[in-house]
Amino acid sequence: MKKALSQLLDCSDEFHYHKRVCLEPSLSQNTWSGNMANDFDGFKQRALQGSYQSIETQDLQTVISRVETEIEQIKQEILSLEHNRSSQQVRLSDLHDQRRKELLNNE
């Protein structure tokens, strides 16, 4: 889970780093002009930018938050299991002591 979280954080950083390349590609006037360029600019502003920002700010953050929550839940479960194990060891030791005393009293 920690490795997955680390990879998600790396993806988030990389996604943010490459935002400009996706939303503002370097297209020269010779490459891109006229109506198609205007249509593309409109598409960038309406659809592409919204989708990109949604992925960056909502989707990735939601997944990262869920993984962090899951990691914390697992940590708490581990602590609880360790506490239970410790309690059981104390109980077992007490039972051994009790049995030893019973055997000594029967002699």
C-alpha atoms as a PDB file:
ATOM      1  CA  MET A   1       0.000   0.000   0.000  1.00  0.00           C
ATOM      2  CA  LYS A   2       2.832   2.395   0.824  1.00  0.00           C
ATOM      3  CA  LYS A   3       4.467   1.645  -2.521  1.00  0.00           C
ATOM      4  CA  ALA A   4       1.168   2.263  -4.316  1.00  0.00           C
ATOM      5  CA  LEU A   5       0.772   5.555  -2.453  1.00  0.00           C
ATOM      6  CA  SER A   6       4.292   6.596  -3.401  1.00  0.00           C
ATOM      7  CA  GLN A   7       3.609   5.773  -7.051  1.00  0.00           C
ATOM      8  CA  LEU A   8       0.327   7.701  -6.978  1.00  0.00           C
ATOM      9  CA  LEU A   9       2.068  10.738  -5.508  1.00  0.00           C
ATOM     10  CA  ASP A  10       4.726  10.476  -8.229  1.00  0.00           C
ATOM     11  CA  CYS A  11       1.992  10.285 -10.870  1.00  0.00           C
ATOM     12  CA  SER A  12       0.275  13.301  -9.368  1.00  0.00           C
ATOM     13  CA  ASP A  13       3.510  15.297  -9.457  1.00  0.00           C
ATOM     14  CA  GLU A  14       4.237  14.190 -13.015  1.00  0.00           C
ATOM     15  CA  PHE A  15       0.677  14.941 -14.080  1.00  0.00           C
ATOM     16  CA  HIS A  16       0.986  18.459 -12.667  1.00  0.00           C
ATOM     17  CA  TYR A  17       4.421  18.906 -14.249  1.00  0.00           C
ATOM     18  CA  HIS A  18       3.140  17.979 -17.735  1.00  0.00           C
ATOM     19  CA  LYS A  19      -0.034  20.050 -17.492  1.00  0.00           C
ATOM     20  CA  ARG A  20       1.322  22.819 -19.699  1.00  0.00           C
ATOM     21  CA  VAL A  21       2.406  20.382 -22.434  1.00  0.00           C
ATOM     22  CA  CYS A  22      -1.101  18.960 -22.603  1.00  0.00           C
ATOM     23  CA  LEU A  23      -3.091  22.164 -22.267  1.00  0.00           C
ATOM     24  CA  GLU A  24      -0.767  24.486 -24.169  1.00  0.00           C
ATOM     25  CA  PRO A  25       1.035  22.430 -26.812  1.00  0.00           C
ATOM     26  CA  SER A  26       3.654  24.322 -28.761  1.00  0.00           C
ATOM     27  CA  LEU A  27       2.133  24.582 -32.208  1.00  0.00           C
ATOM     28  CA  SER A  28       3.576  27.097 -34.617  1.00  0.00           C
ATOM     29  CA  GLN A  29       1.404  29.215 -36.911  1.00  0.00           C
ATOM     30  CA  ASN A  30       2.696  27.196 -39.851  1.00  0.00           C
ATOM     31  CA  THR A  31       1.527  23.997 -38.200  1.00  0.00           C
ATOM     32  CA  TRP A  32      -1.756  25.184 -36.816  1.00  0.00           C
ATOM     33  CA  SER A  33      -3.817  28.074 -38.115  1.00  0.00           C
ATOM     34  CA  GLY A  34      -7.259  29.043 -39.295  1.00  0.00           C
ATOM     35  CA  ASN A  35     -10.569  27.510 -38.286  1.00  0.00           C
ATOM     36  CA  MET A  36      -9.027  24.255 -37.080  1.00  0.00           C
ATOM     37  CA  ALA A  37      -6.745  26.180 -34.739  1.00  0.00           C
ATOM     38  CA  ASN A  38      -9.717  28.127 -33.384  1.00  0.00           C
ATOM     39  CA  ASP A  39     -11.715  24.910 -32.973  1.00  0.00           C
ATOM     40  CA  PHE A  40      -8.797  23.310 -31.172  1.00  0.00           C
ATOM     41  CA  ASP A  41      -8.414  26.310 -28.859  1.00  0.00           C
ATOM     42  CA  GLY A  42     -12.113  26.089 -28.041  1.00  0.00           C
ATOM     43  CA  PHE A  43     -11.801  22.366 -27.372  1.00  0.00           C
ATOM     44  CA  LYS A  44      -8.786  22.980 -25.118  1.00  0.00           C
ATOM     45  CA  GLN A  45     -10.639  25.555 -23.064  1.00  0.00           C
ATOM     46  CA  ARG A  46     -13.972  23.714 -22.819  1.00  0.00           C
ATOM     47  CA  ALA A  47     -13.304  20.005 -22.673  1.00  0.00           C
ATOM     48  CA  LEU A  48      -9.629  19.284 -22.305  1.00  0.00           C
ATOM     49  CA  GLN A  49      -8.828  21.755 -19.547  1.00  0.00           C
ATOM     50  CA  GLY A  50     -11.843  20.721 -17.461  1.00  0.00           C
ATOM     51  CA  SER A  51     -11.090  17.024 -17.843  1.00  0.00           C
ATOM     52  CA  TYR A  52      -7.418  17.506 -17.069  1.00  0.00           C
ATOM     53  CA  GLN A  53      -8.142  19.558 -13.969  1.00  0.00           C
ATOM     54  CA  SER A  54     -10.773  17.066 -12.827  1.00  0.00           C
ATOM     55  CA  ILE A  55      -8.273  14.231 -13.042  1.00  0.00           C
ATOM     56  CA  GLU A  56      -5.596  16.264 -11.279  1.00  0.00           C
ATOM     57  CA  THR A  57      -7.665  17.808  -8.491  1.00  0.00           C
ATOM     58  CA  GLN A  58     -10.426  15.272  -7.924  1.00  0.00           C
ATOM     59  CA  ASP A  59      -9.690  11.818  -9.265  1.00  0.00           C
ATOM     60  CA  LEU A  60      -6.038  11.507  -8.243  1.00  0.00           C
ATOM     61  CA  GLN A  61      -6.631  13.185  -4.892  1.00  0.00           C
ATOM     62  CA  THR A  62      -9.615  10.920  -4.177  1.00  0.00           C
ATOM     63  CA  VAL A  63      -7.568   7.795  -4.860  1.00  0.00           C
ATOM     64  CA  ILE A  64      -4.605   9.117  -2.840  1.00  0.00           C
ATOM     65  CA  SER A  65      -6.914   9.928   0.067  1.00  0.00           C
ATOM     66  CA  ARG A  66      -8.499   6.467  -0.061  1.00  0.00           C
ATOM     67  CA  VAL A  67      -5.097   4.765  -0.054  1.00  0.00           C
ATOM     68  CA  GLU A  68      -3.934   6.929   2.876  1.00  0.00           C
ATOM     69  CA  THR A  69      -7.121   6.065   4.785  1.00  0.00           C
ATOM     70  CA  GLU A  70      -6.657   2.368   4.052  1.00  0.00           C
ATOM     71  CA  ILE A  71      -3.036   2.521   5.254  1.00  0.00           C
ATOM     72  CA  GLU A  72      -4.170   4.118   8.528  1.00  0.00           C
ATOM     73  CA  GLN A  73      -6.900   1.495   8.986  1.00  0.00           C
ATOM     74  CA  ILE A  74      -4.387  -1.297   8.444  1.00  0.00           C
ATOM     75  CA  LYS A  75      -1.993   0.315  10.942  1.00  0.00           C
ATOM     76  CA  GLN A  76      -4.786   0.477  13.527  1.00  0.00           C
ATOM     77  CA  GLU A  77      -5.720  -3.132  12.851  1.00  0.00           C
ATOM     78  CA  ILE A  78      -2.086  -4.199  13.305  1.00  0.00           C
ATOM     79  CA  LEU A  79      -1.903  -2.322  16.620  1.00  0.00           C
ATOM     80  CA  SER A  80      -5.116  -3.974  17.774  1.00  0.00           C
ATOM     81  CA  LEU A  81      -3.837  -7.426  16.807  1.00  0.00           C
ATOM     82  CA  GLU A  82      -0.542  -6.797  18.602  1.00  0.00           C
ATOM     83  CA  HIS A  83      -2.437  -5.729  21.718  1.00  0.00           C
ATOM     84  CA  ASN A  84      -4.636  -8.841  21.550  1.00  0.00           C
ATOM     85  CA  ARG A  85      -1.582 -11.049  21.095  1.00  0.00           C
ATOM     86  CA  SER A  86       0.108  -9.442  24.080  1.00  0.00           C
ATOM     87  CA  SER A  87      -3.013  -9.936  26.207  1.00  0.00           C
ATOM     88  CA  GLN A  88      -3.230 -13.570  25.133  1.00  0.00           C
ATOM     89  CA  GLN A  89       0.431 -14.123  26.019  1.00  0.00           C
ATOM     90  CA  VAL A  90      -0.154 -12.705  29.507  1.00  0.00           C
ATOM     91  CA  ARG A  91      -3.236 -14.910  29.899  1.00  0.00           C
ATOM     92  CA  LEU A  92      -1.300 -17.973  28.742  1.00  0.00           C
ATOM     93  CA  SER A  93       1.523 -17.210  31.155  1.00  0.00           C
ATOM     94  CA  ASP A  94      -0.994 -16.865  34.004  1.00  0.00           C
ATOM     95  CA  LEU A  95      -2.545 -20.213  33.092  1.00  0.00           C
ATOM     96  CA  HIS A  96       0.885 -21.869  33.037  1.00  0.00           C
ATOM     97  CA  ASP A  97       1.649 -20.439  36.478  1.00  0.00           C
ATOM     98  CA  GLN A  98      -1.705 -21.591  37.793  1.00  0.00           C
ATOM     99  CA  ARG A  99      -1.199 -25.095  36.402  1.00  0.00           C
ATOM    100  CA  ARG A 100       2.317 -25.269  37.863  1.00  0.00           C
ATOM    101  CA  LYS A 101       0.959 -24.338  41.314  1.00  0.00           C
ATOM    102  CA  GLU A 102      -1.759 -26.971  41.021  1.00  0.00           C
ATOM    103  CA  LEU A 103       0.808 -29.627  40.163  1.00  0.00           C
ATOM    104  CA  LEU A 104       3.008 -28.604  43.095  1.00  0.00           C
ATOM    105  CA  ASN A 105       0.051 -28.726  45.482  1.00  0.00           C
ATOM    106  CA  ASN A 106      -0.888 -32.233  44.312  1.00  0.00           C
ATOM    107  CA  GLU A 107       2.514 -33.657  45.160  1.00  0.00           C
END
